[in-house]
Amino acid sequence: MTPVLAFDIETVPDTHGLRRLHGLDVSLSDHDVAEYAFVRRRIQSGHDFLPPHLHRVVSISCALREGTTFRVWSLGQPGDGEADLIQRFYDGIERYSPQLVSWNGSGFDLPVLHYRSLVHGLVASRYWDMGEDDRDFKFNNYINRYHTRHLDLMDLLALYNGRNYVPLDDMAQLIGFPGKLGMDGSKVWDAFQNGEIVSIRNYCETDAANTFLLFLRYQLMRGALDEPAYRKECDLVRDTLARLDAPHWSEFLAAWGPQQ
């Protein structure tokens, strides 16, 4: 069975890059640099969400289903640099060649990783293989929107039409999965400024878990899993999380109602 890797990233403004691009004084605080960028963005587009190349990755979390096991974790350690986190992600693809699963990964997570990899000069040969080294990747690779080696569930379920996109939190809760617990992407920058990197990583992990659970539901819907197999997969996730000694997983399980 091909390993399945559901993933999520969390980002903050790249204040170092913003200083370089706009010639800002080094005496400006990171907070003020970010506020400057938010104001410029609001003037340009009516919102303050920065374009992907101006995000700095501070967390990458993974939910891996491989063989008989399931596990969920954040790459690296709190405080690790962006380049190390991203390289670890690509190294995992090099090792497992998994099916990647995301929610809006094509629209945000992967473009951010692409641009930031260019900034740091990282290497990800397996990820970028489009058939040059492995013929199987010619017809199913991580880059093509309509291939399933990377499955962006949000994009697929919307039939590739942005008007039909829905939030991960809404879809998870409608099914009975926990959804987001106390944090969302809009709060990450404030949390980061307050030194709450562990909380950010925990939040990122729960998003990865929600994404994997939605993938299981999708597999049930399309007939790749029958009802008993689907319930067995959900039980594996529950049992795995119940063995983890961390408050965010206790909260996650408490919010997860009876199996639907």
C-alpha atoms as a PDB file:
ATOM      1  CA  MET A   1       0.000   0.000   0.000  1.00  0.00           C
ATOM      2  CA  THR A   2       1.328   3.429  -0.918  1.00  0.00           C
ATOM      3  CA  PRO A   3       1.912   5.491   2.239  1.00  0.00           C
ATOM      4  CA  VAL A   4      -0.479   8.407   2.661  1.00  0.00           C
ATOM      5  CA  LEU A   5       0.906  11.660   4.074  1.00  0.00           C
ATOM      6  CA  ALA A   6      -1.598  14.356   5.020  1.00  0.00           C
ATOM      7  CA  PHE A   7       0.183  17.605   5.800  1.00  0.00           C
ATOM      8  CA  ASP A   8      -0.311  21.218   6.797  1.00  0.00           C
ATOM      9  CA  ILE A   9       1.954  24.224   7.233  1.00  0.00           C
ATOM     10  CA  GLU A  10       1.803  27.359   9.363  1.00  0.00           C
ATOM     11  CA  THR A  11       3.505  30.590   8.360  1.00  0.00           C
ATOM     12  CA  VAL A  12       4.320  34.098   9.511  1.00  0.00           C
ATOM     13  CA  PRO A  13       5.378  37.169   7.503  1.00  0.00           C
ATOM     14  CA  ASP A  14       8.964  36.976   6.209  1.00  0.00           C
ATOM     15  CA  THR A  15      10.084  40.169   7.938  1.00  0.00           C
ATOM     16  CA  HIS A  16      13.708  39.689   6.847  1.00  0.00           C
ATOM     17  CA  GLY A  17      12.682  39.434   3.210  1.00  0.00           C
ATOM     18  CA  LEU A  18      10.272  42.349   3.522  1.00  0.00           C
ATOM     19  CA  ARG A  19      13.087  44.550   4.849  1.00  0.00           C
ATOM     20  CA  ARG A  20      15.212  43.581   1.863  1.00  0.00           C
ATOM     21  CA  LEU A  21      12.482  44.107  -0.735  1.00  0.00           C
ATOM     22  CA  HIS A  22      11.323  47.477   0.577  1.00  0.00           C
ATOM     23  CA  GLY A  23      14.582  48.872   1.907  1.00  0.00           C
ATOM     24  CA  LEU A  24      13.213  49.126   5.429  1.00  0.00           C
ATOM     25  CA  ASP A  25      15.438  50.229   8.272  1.00  0.00           C
ATOM     26  CA  VAL A  26      16.844  47.407  10.371  1.00  0.00           C
ATOM     27  CA  SER A  27      15.784  49.309  13.482  1.00  0.00           C
ATOM     28  CA  LEU A  28      12.124  48.627  12.697  1.00  0.00           C
ATOM     29  CA  SER A  29      10.665  45.834  14.781  1.00  0.00           C
ATOM     30  CA  ASP A  30       9.331  42.686  13.114  1.00  0.00           C
ATOM     31  CA  HIS A  31       5.863  43.763  14.220  1.00  0.00           C
ATOM     32  CA  ASP A  32       6.180  47.123  12.464  1.00  0.00           C
ATOM     33  CA  VAL A  33       7.628  45.538   9.322  1.00  0.00           C
ATOM     34  CA  ALA A  34       4.682  43.157   9.139  1.00  0.00           C
ATOM     35  CA  GLU A  35       2.198  45.978   9.727  1.00  0.00           C
ATOM     36  CA  TYR A  36       3.817  47.921   6.880  1.00  0.00           C
ATOM     37  CA  ALA A  37       3.384  44.910   4.590  1.00  0.00           C
ATOM     38  CA  PHE A  38      -0.228  44.377   5.691  1.00  0.00           C
ATOM     39  CA  VAL A  39      -1.113  48.006   4.920  1.00  0.00           C
ATOM     40  CA  ARG A  40       0.479  47.785   1.460  1.00  0.00           C
ATOM     41  CA  ARG A  41      -1.394  44.561   0.787  1.00  0.00           C
ATOM     42  CA  ARG A  42      -4.739  46.035   1.871  1.00  0.00           C
ATOM     43  CA  ILE A  43      -4.226  48.967  -0.469  1.00  0.00           C
ATOM     44  CA  GLN A  44      -3.370  46.640  -3.346  1.00  0.00           C
ATOM     45  CA  SER A  45      -5.959  43.913  -2.854  1.00  0.00           C
ATOM     46  CA  GLY A  46      -8.431  44.857  -0.138  1.00  0.00           C
ATOM     47  CA  HIS A  47      -7.088  42.272   2.334  1.00  0.00           C
ATOM     48  CA  ASP A  48      -3.849  41.774   4.260  1.00  0.00           C
ATOM     49  CA  PHE A  49      -3.052  38.153   3.355  1.00  0.00           C
ATOM     50  CA  LEU A  50       0.458  38.266   1.932  1.00  0.00           C
ATOM     51  CA  PRO A  51       1.434  36.520  -1.333  1.00  0.00           C
ATOM     52  CA  PRO A  52       3.096  33.102  -0.916  1.00  0.00           C
ATOM     53  CA  HIS A  53       6.708  34.174  -1.396  1.00  0.00           C
ATOM     54  CA  LEU A  54       6.446  36.541   1.578  1.00  0.00           C
ATOM     55  CA  HIS A  55       5.438  33.848   4.070  1.00  0.00           C
ATOM     56  CA  ARG A  56       7.994  32.178   6.321  1.00  0.00           C
ATOM     57  CA  VAL A  57       7.269  28.593   7.330  1.00  0.00           C
ATOM     58  CA  VAL A  58       7.366  28.021  11.093  1.00  0.00           C
ATOM     59  CA  SER A  59       5.640  24.639  11.298  1.00  0.00           C
ATOM     60  CA  ILE A  60       5.033  21.621   9.068  1.00  0.00           C
ATOM     61  CA  SER A  61       2.901  18.825  10.502  1.00  0.00           C
ATOM     62  CA  CYS A  62       2.312  15.380   9.036  1.00  0.00           C
ATOM     63  CA  ALA A  63      -0.179  12.560   9.505  1.00  0.00           C
ATOM     64  CA  LEU A  64       1.337   9.406   7.995  1.00  0.00           C
ATOM     65  CA  ARG A  65      -0.542   6.187   7.292  1.00  0.00           C
ATOM     66  CA  GLU A  66       1.999   3.502   6.427  1.00  0.00           C
ATOM     67  CA  GLY A  67       1.696  -0.283   6.632  1.00  0.00           C
ATOM     68  CA  THR A  68      -0.211  -1.075   9.808  1.00  0.00           C
ATOM     69  CA  THR A  69       0.590   2.203  11.557  1.00  0.00           C
ATOM     70  CA  PHE A  70      -0.647   5.772  11.811  1.00  0.00           C
ATOM     71  CA  ARG A  71       1.298   8.612  13.356  1.00  0.00           C
ATOM     72  CA  VAL A  72       1.097  12.391  13.503  1.00  0.00           C
ATOM     73  CA  TRP A  73       3.882  14.809  14.387  1.00  0.00           C
ATOM     74  CA  SER A  74       5.537  18.127  13.571  1.00  0.00           C
ATOM     75  CA  LEU A  75       8.830  18.153  11.733  1.00  0.00           C
ATOM     76  CA  GLY A  76      11.965  19.195  13.592  1.00  0.00           C
ATOM     77  CA  GLN A  77      11.989  20.954  16.929  1.00  0.00           C
ATOM     78  CA  PRO A  78      10.455  24.241  18.102  1.00  0.00           C
ATOM     79  CA  GLY A  79      12.713  27.018  16.924  1.00  0.00           C
ATOM     80  CA  ASP A  80      14.269  25.102  14.007  1.00  0.00           C
ATOM     81  CA  GLY A  81      14.952  27.256  10.967  1.00  0.00           C
ATOM     82  CA  GLU A  82      12.660  27.389   7.970  1.00  0.00           C
ATOM     83  CA  ALA A  83      15.146  25.758   5.598  1.00  0.00           C
ATOM     84  CA  ASP A  84      15.578  22.753   7.885  1.00  0.00           C
ATOM     85  CA  LEU A  85      11.813  22.235   8.246  1.00  0.00           C
ATOM     86  CA  ILE A  86      11.191  22.359   4.507  1.00  0.00           C
ATOM     87  CA  GLN A  87      14.131  20.107   3.693  1.00  0.00           C
ATOM     88  CA  ARG A  88      12.867  17.543   6.200  1.00  0.00           C
ATOM     89  CA  PHE A  89       9.511  17.563   4.413  1.00  0.00           C
ATOM     90  CA  TYR A  90      11.128  16.907   1.048  1.00  0.00           C
ATOM     91  CA  ASP A  91      13.426  14.274   2.562  1.00  0.00           C
ATOM     92  CA  GLY A  92      10.327  12.419   3.744  1.00  0.00           C
ATOM     93  CA  ILE A  93       8.963  12.431   0.192  1.00  0.00           C
ATOM     94  CA  GLU A  94      12.327  11.155  -1.018  1.00  0.00           C
ATOM     95  CA  ARG A  95      12.129   8.312   1.500  1.00  0.00           C
ATOM     96  CA  TYR A  96       8.477   7.247   1.233  1.00  0.00           C
ATOM     97  CA  SER A  97       7.198   8.553  -2.150  1.00  0.00           C
ATOM     98  CA  PRO A  98       3.821   8.915  -0.421  1.00  0.00           C
ATOM     99  CA  GLN A  99       0.511  10.099  -1.726  1.00  0.00           C
ATOM    100  CA  LEU A 100       0.337  13.644  -0.392  1.00  0.00           C
ATOM    101  CA  VAL A 101      -3.045  14.805   0.867  1.00  0.00           C
ATOM    102  CA  SER A 102      -3.859  18.411   1.699  1.00  0.00           C
ATOM    103  CA  TRP A 103      -6.687  20.876   2.093  1.00  0.00           C
ATOM    104  CA  ASN A 104      -5.847  23.813  -0.169  1.00  0.00           C
ATOM    105  CA  GLY A 105      -2.297  22.546  -0.591  1.00  0.00           C
ATOM    106  CA  SER A 106      -2.267  23.545  -4.259  1.00  0.00           C
ATOM    107  CA  GLY A 107      -3.590  26.987  -3.434  1.00  0.00           C
ATOM    108  CA  PHE A 108      -1.273  27.806  -0.549  1.00  0.00           C
ATOM    109  CA  ASP A 109       0.931  25.239   1.200  1.00  0.00           C
ATOM    110  CA  LEU A 110       2.857  23.920  -1.791  1.00  0.00           C
ATOM    111  CA  PRO A 111       3.358  27.285  -3.552  1.00  0.00           C
ATOM    112  CA  VAL A 112       4.777  28.629  -0.285  1.00  0.00           C
ATOM    113  CA  LEU A 113       7.118  25.646  -0.025  1.00  0.00           C
ATOM    114  CA  HIS A 114       8.175  26.089  -3.671  1.00  0.00           C
ATOM    115  CA  TYR A 115       9.118  29.751  -3.328  1.00  0.00           C
ATOM    116  CA  ARG A 116      10.770  29.331   0.045  1.00  0.00           C
ATOM    117  CA  SER A 117      12.789  26.395  -1.284  1.00  0.00           C
ATOM    118  CA  LEU A 118      14.102  28.676  -4.029  1.00  0.00           C
ATOM    119  CA  VAL A 119      15.049  31.266  -1.415  1.00  0.00           C
ATOM    120  CA  HIS A 120      17.056  28.686   0.554  1.00  0.00           C
ATOM    121  CA  GLY A 121      18.458  26.686  -2.362  1.00  0.00           C
ATOM    122  CA  LEU A 122      16.919  23.400  -1.215  1.00  0.00           C
ATOM    123  CA  VAL A 123      16.912  20.104  -3.139  1.00  0.00           C
ATOM    124  CA  ALA A 124      13.754  18.036  -3.706  1.00  0.00           C
ATOM    125  CA  SER A 125      14.433  15.821  -6.712  1.00  0.00           C
ATOM    126  CA  ARG A 126      11.728  13.205  -6.022  1.00  0.00           C
ATOM    127  CA  TYR A 127       9.085  15.834  -5.461  1.00  0.00           C
ATOM    128  CA  TRP A 128       9.879  17.624  -8.732  1.00  0.00           C
ATOM    129  CA  ASP A 129      10.218  14.450 -10.824  1.00  0.00           C
ATOM    130  CA  MET A 130       7.752  14.673 -13.723  1.00  0.00           C
ATOM    131  CA  GLY A 131       8.896  11.540 -15.507  1.00  0.00           C
ATOM    132  CA  GLU A 132      12.519  12.339 -16.280  1.00  0.00           C
ATOM    133  CA  ASP A 133      13.873   9.818 -13.741  1.00  0.00           C
ATOM    134  CA  ASP A 134      10.855   7.583 -13.083  1.00  0.00           C
ATOM    135  CA  ARG A 135       8.418   6.859 -15.914  1.00  0.00           C
ATOM    136  CA  ASP A 136       5.601   6.302 -13.408  1.00  0.00           C
ATOM    137  CA  PHE A 137       5.886   9.984 -12.485  1.00  0.00           C
ATOM    138  CA  LYS A 138       5.220  11.057 -16.075  1.00  0.00           C
ATOM    139  CA  PHE A 139       1.572  10.129 -15.668  1.00  0.00           C
ATOM    140  CA  ASN A 140       1.133  10.715 -11.942  1.00  0.00           C
ATOM    141  CA  ASN A 141       3.351  13.280 -10.233  1.00  0.00           C
ATOM    142  CA  TYR A 142       3.183  15.779  -7.389  1.00  0.00           C
ATOM    143  CA  ILE A 143       2.984  18.822  -9.648  1.00  0.00           C
ATOM    144  CA  ASN A 144       0.041  18.195 -11.968  1.00  0.00           C
ATOM    145  CA  ARG A 145      -3.230  19.522 -10.595  1.00  0.00           C
ATOM    146  CA  TYR A 146      -5.243  16.559 -11.844  1.00  0.00           C
ATOM    147  CA  HIS A 147      -2.928  13.790 -10.654  1.00  0.00           C
ATOM    148  CA  THR A 148      -3.486  12.098  -7.299  1.00  0.00           C
ATOM    149  CA  ARG A 149       0.112  11.733  -6.122  1.00  0.00           C
ATOM    150  CA  HIS A 150      -0.772  15.030  -4.496  1.00  0.00           C
ATOM    151  CA  LEU A 151      -4.489  15.139  -3.726  1.00  0.00           C
ATOM    152  CA  ASP A 152      -5.776  18.572  -2.753  1.00  0.00           C
ATOM    153  CA  LEU A 153      -9.120  17.491  -1.324  1.00  0.00           C
ATOM    154  CA  MET A 154     -10.579  20.986  -1.249  1.00  0.00           C
ATOM    155  CA  ASP A 155      -9.732  21.589  -4.895  1.00  0.00           C
ATOM    156  CA  LEU A 156     -11.025  18.195  -6.047  1.00  0.00           C
ATOM    157  CA  LEU A 157     -14.289  18.319  -4.084  1.00  0.00           C
ATOM    158  CA  ALA A 158     -14.946  21.804  -5.485  1.00  0.00           C
ATOM    159  CA  LEU A 159     -14.442  20.416  -9.017  1.00  0.00           C
ATOM    160  CA  TYR A 160     -11.481  22.792  -9.395  1.00  0.00           C
ATOM    161  CA  ASN A 161     -13.780  25.815  -9.133  1.00  0.00           C
ATOM    162  CA  GLY A 162     -12.769  28.424  -6.578  1.00  0.00           C
ATOM    163  CA  ARG A 163     -16.376  29.509  -6.069  1.00  0.00           C
ATOM    164  CA  ASN A 164     -17.025  26.131  -4.452  1.00  0.00           C
ATOM    165  CA  TYR A 165     -14.134  26.124  -1.974  1.00  0.00           C
ATOM    166  CA  VAL A 166     -15.061  25.533   1.675  1.00  0.00           C
ATOM    167  CA  PRO A 167     -12.992  25.825   4.882  1.00  0.00           C
ATOM    168  CA  LEU A 168     -11.427  22.754   6.432  1.00  0.00           C
ATOM    169  CA  ASP A 169     -13.014  23.600   9.774  1.00  0.00           C
ATOM    170  CA  ASP A 170     -16.548  23.751   8.346  1.00  0.00           C
ATOM    171  CA  MET A 171     -16.260  20.474   6.473  1.00  0.00           C
ATOM    172  CA  ALA A 172     -14.679  18.637   9.399  1.00  0.00           C
ATOM    173  CA  GLN A 173     -17.353  19.769  11.854  1.00  0.00           C
ATOM    174  CA  LEU A 174     -20.213  18.989   9.475  1.00  0.00           C
ATOM    175  CA  ILE A 175     -19.035  15.368   9.388  1.00  0.00           C
ATOM    176  CA  GLY A 176     -18.455  15.152  13.141  1.00  0.00           C
ATOM    177  CA  PHE A 177     -14.670  15.512  13.229  1.00  0.00           C
ATOM    178  CA  PRO A 178     -13.154  17.954  15.745  1.00  0.00           C
ATOM    179  CA  GLY A 179     -12.190  20.783  13.384  1.00  0.00           C
ATOM    180  CA  LYS A 180     -10.095  23.666  14.673  1.00  0.00           C
ATOM    181  CA  LEU A 181      -9.641  23.971  18.424  1.00  0.00           C
ATOM    182  CA  GLY A 182      -9.009  27.446  19.774  1.00  0.00           C
ATOM    183  CA  MET A 183      -6.735  28.706  17.008  1.00  0.00           C
ATOM    184  CA  ASP A 184      -6.884  29.422  13.309  1.00  0.00           C
ATOM    185  CA  GLY A 185      -4.476  30.759  10.718  1.00  0.00           C
ATOM    186  CA  SER A 186      -5.347  34.392  11.474  1.00  0.00           C
ATOM    187  CA  LYS A 187      -4.015  33.990  15.027  1.00  0.00           C
ATOM    188  CA  VAL A 188      -0.669  32.399  14.172  1.00  0.00           C
ATOM    189  CA  TRP A 189       1.292  35.655  13.740  1.00  0.00           C
ATOM    190  CA  ASP A 190       0.186  36.984  17.145  1.00  0.00           C
ATOM    191  CA  ALA A 191       0.959  33.628  18.751  1.00  0.00           C
ATOM    192  CA  PHE A 192       4.386  33.565  17.128  1.00  0.00           C
ATOM    193  CA  GLN A 193       5.204  37.072  18.379  1.00  0.00           C
ATOM    194  CA  ASN A 194       4.262  35.898  21.867  1.00  0.00           C
ATOM    195  CA  GLY A 195       6.688  32.980  21.625  1.00  0.00           C
ATOM    196  CA  GLU A 196       3.934  30.363  21.424  1.00  0.00           C
ATOM    197  CA  ILE A 197       5.607  28.162  18.802  1.00  0.00           C
ATOM    198  CA  VAL A 198       4.597  24.944  20.608  1.00  0.00           C
ATOM    199  CA  SER A 199       0.934  25.979  20.455  1.00  0.00           C
ATOM    200  CA  ILE A 200       1.333  26.705  16.747  1.00  0.00           C
ATOM    201  CA  ARG A 201       2.846  23.269  16.137  1.00  0.00           C
ATOM    202  CA  ASN A 202       0.044  21.620  18.116  1.00  0.00           C
ATOM    203  CA  TYR A 203      -2.575  23.478  16.097  1.00  0.00           C
ATOM    204  CA  CYS A 204      -0.826  22.499  12.865  1.00  0.00           C
ATOM    205  CA  GLU A 205      -0.865  18.843  13.934  1.00  0.00           C
ATOM    206  CA  THR A 206      -4.615  18.905  14.544  1.00  0.00           C
ATOM    207  CA  ASP A 207      -5.128  20.366  11.064  1.00  0.00           C
ATOM    208  CA  ALA A 208      -3.088  17.523   9.594  1.00  0.00           C
ATOM    209  CA  ALA A 209      -5.205  15.014  11.546  1.00  0.00           C
ATOM    210  CA  ASN A 210      -8.457  16.638  10.391  1.00  0.00           C
ATOM    211  CA  THR A 211      -7.196  16.512   6.812  1.00  0.00           C
ATOM    212  CA  PHE A 212      -6.410  12.816   7.084  1.00  0.00           C
ATOM    213  CA  LEU A 213      -9.851  12.090   8.549  1.00  0.00           C
ATOM    214  CA  LEU A 214     -11.481  13.945   5.658  1.00  0.00           C
ATOM    215  CA  PHE A 215      -9.391  11.827   3.300  1.00  0.00           C
ATOM    216  CA  LEU A 216     -10.778   8.680   4.929  1.00  0.00           C
ATOM    217  CA  ARG A 217     -14.306  10.014   4.448  1.00  0.00           C
ATOM    218  CA  TYR A 218     -13.504  10.723   0.805  1.00  0.00           C
ATOM    219  CA  GLN A 219     -12.194   7.174   0.405  1.00  0.00           C
ATOM    220  CA  LEU A 220     -15.478   5.877   1.837  1.00  0.00           C
ATOM    221  CA  MET A 221     -17.482   8.099  -0.512  1.00  0.00           C
ATOM    222  CA  ARG A 222     -15.679   6.898  -3.620  1.00  0.00           C
ATOM    223  CA  GLY A 223     -15.796   3.231  -2.608  1.00  0.00           C
ATOM    224  CA  ALA A 224     -12.086   2.745  -1.956  1.00  0.00           C
ATOM    225  CA  LEU A 225     -13.029   1.859   1.635  1.00  0.00           C
ATOM    226  CA  ASP A 226     -16.177  -0.001   2.630  1.00  0.00           C
ATOM    227  CA  GLU A 227     -17.944   0.853   5.887  1.00  0.00           C
ATOM    228  CA  PRO A 228     -16.082  -1.676   8.103  1.00  0.00           C
ATOM    229  CA  ALA A 229     -12.701  -0.642   6.646  1.00  0.00           C
ATOM    230  CA  TYR A 230     -13.517   3.041   7.137  1.00  0.00           C
ATOM    231  CA  ARG A 231     -14.471   2.465  10.768  1.00  0.00           C
ATOM    232  CA  LYS A 232     -11.305   0.446  11.304  1.00  0.00           C
ATOM    233  CA  GLU A 233      -9.183   3.296   9.921  1.00  0.00           C
ATOM    234  CA  CYS A 234     -10.929   5.837  12.156  1.00  0.00           C
ATOM    235  CA  ASP A 235     -10.410   3.561  15.145  1.00  0.00           C
ATOM    236  CA  LEU A 236      -6.708   3.376  14.331  1.00  0.00           C
ATOM    237  CA  VAL A 237      -6.521   7.175  14.407  1.00  0.00           C
ATOM    238  CA  ARG A 238      -8.470   7.345  17.694  1.00  0.00           C
ATOM    239  CA  ASP A 239      -6.368   4.656  19.353  1.00  0.00           C
ATOM    240  CA  THR A 240      -3.110   6.243  18.192  1.00  0.00           C
ATOM    241  CA  LEU A 241      -4.056   9.696  19.453  1.00  0.00           C
ATOM    242  CA  ALA A 242      -5.291   8.288  22.752  1.00  0.00           C
ATOM    243  CA  ARG A 243      -1.795   6.957  23.435  1.00  0.00           C
ATOM    244  CA  LEU A 244      -0.188  10.371  22.939  1.00  0.00           C
ATOM    245  CA  ASP A 245       0.477  12.256  26.162  1.00  0.00           C
ATOM    246  CA  ALA A 246      -0.366  15.763  24.992  1.00  0.00           C
ATOM    247  CA  PRO A 247      -3.256  18.059  25.993  1.00  0.00           C
ATOM    248  CA  HIS A 248      -4.138  19.034  22.425  1.00  0.00           C
ATOM    249  CA  TRP A 249      -4.850  15.416  21.566  1.00  0.00           C
ATOM    250  CA  SER A 250      -7.003  14.972  24.662  1.00  0.00           C
ATOM    251  CA  GLU A 251      -8.974  18.045  23.557  1.00  0.00           C
ATOM    252  CA  PHE A 252      -9.145  16.731  20.001  1.00  0.00           C
ATOM    253  CA  LEU A 253     -10.544  13.386  21.112  1.00  0.00           C
ATOM    254  CA  ALA A 254     -13.028  15.027  23.472  1.00  0.00           C
ATOM    255  CA  ALA A 255     -14.347  17.126  20.574  1.00  0.00           C
ATOM    256  CA  TRP A 256     -14.600  14.076  18.315  1.00  0.00           C
ATOM    257  CA  GLY A 257     -18.063  12.686  18.850  1.00  0.00           C
ATOM    258  CA  PRO A 258     -19.247   9.131  18.240  1.00  0.00           C
ATOM    259  CA  GLN A 259     -18.040   7.699  14.949  1.00  0.00           C
ATOM    260  CA  GLN A 260     -20.258   8.833  12.088  1.00  0.00           C
END
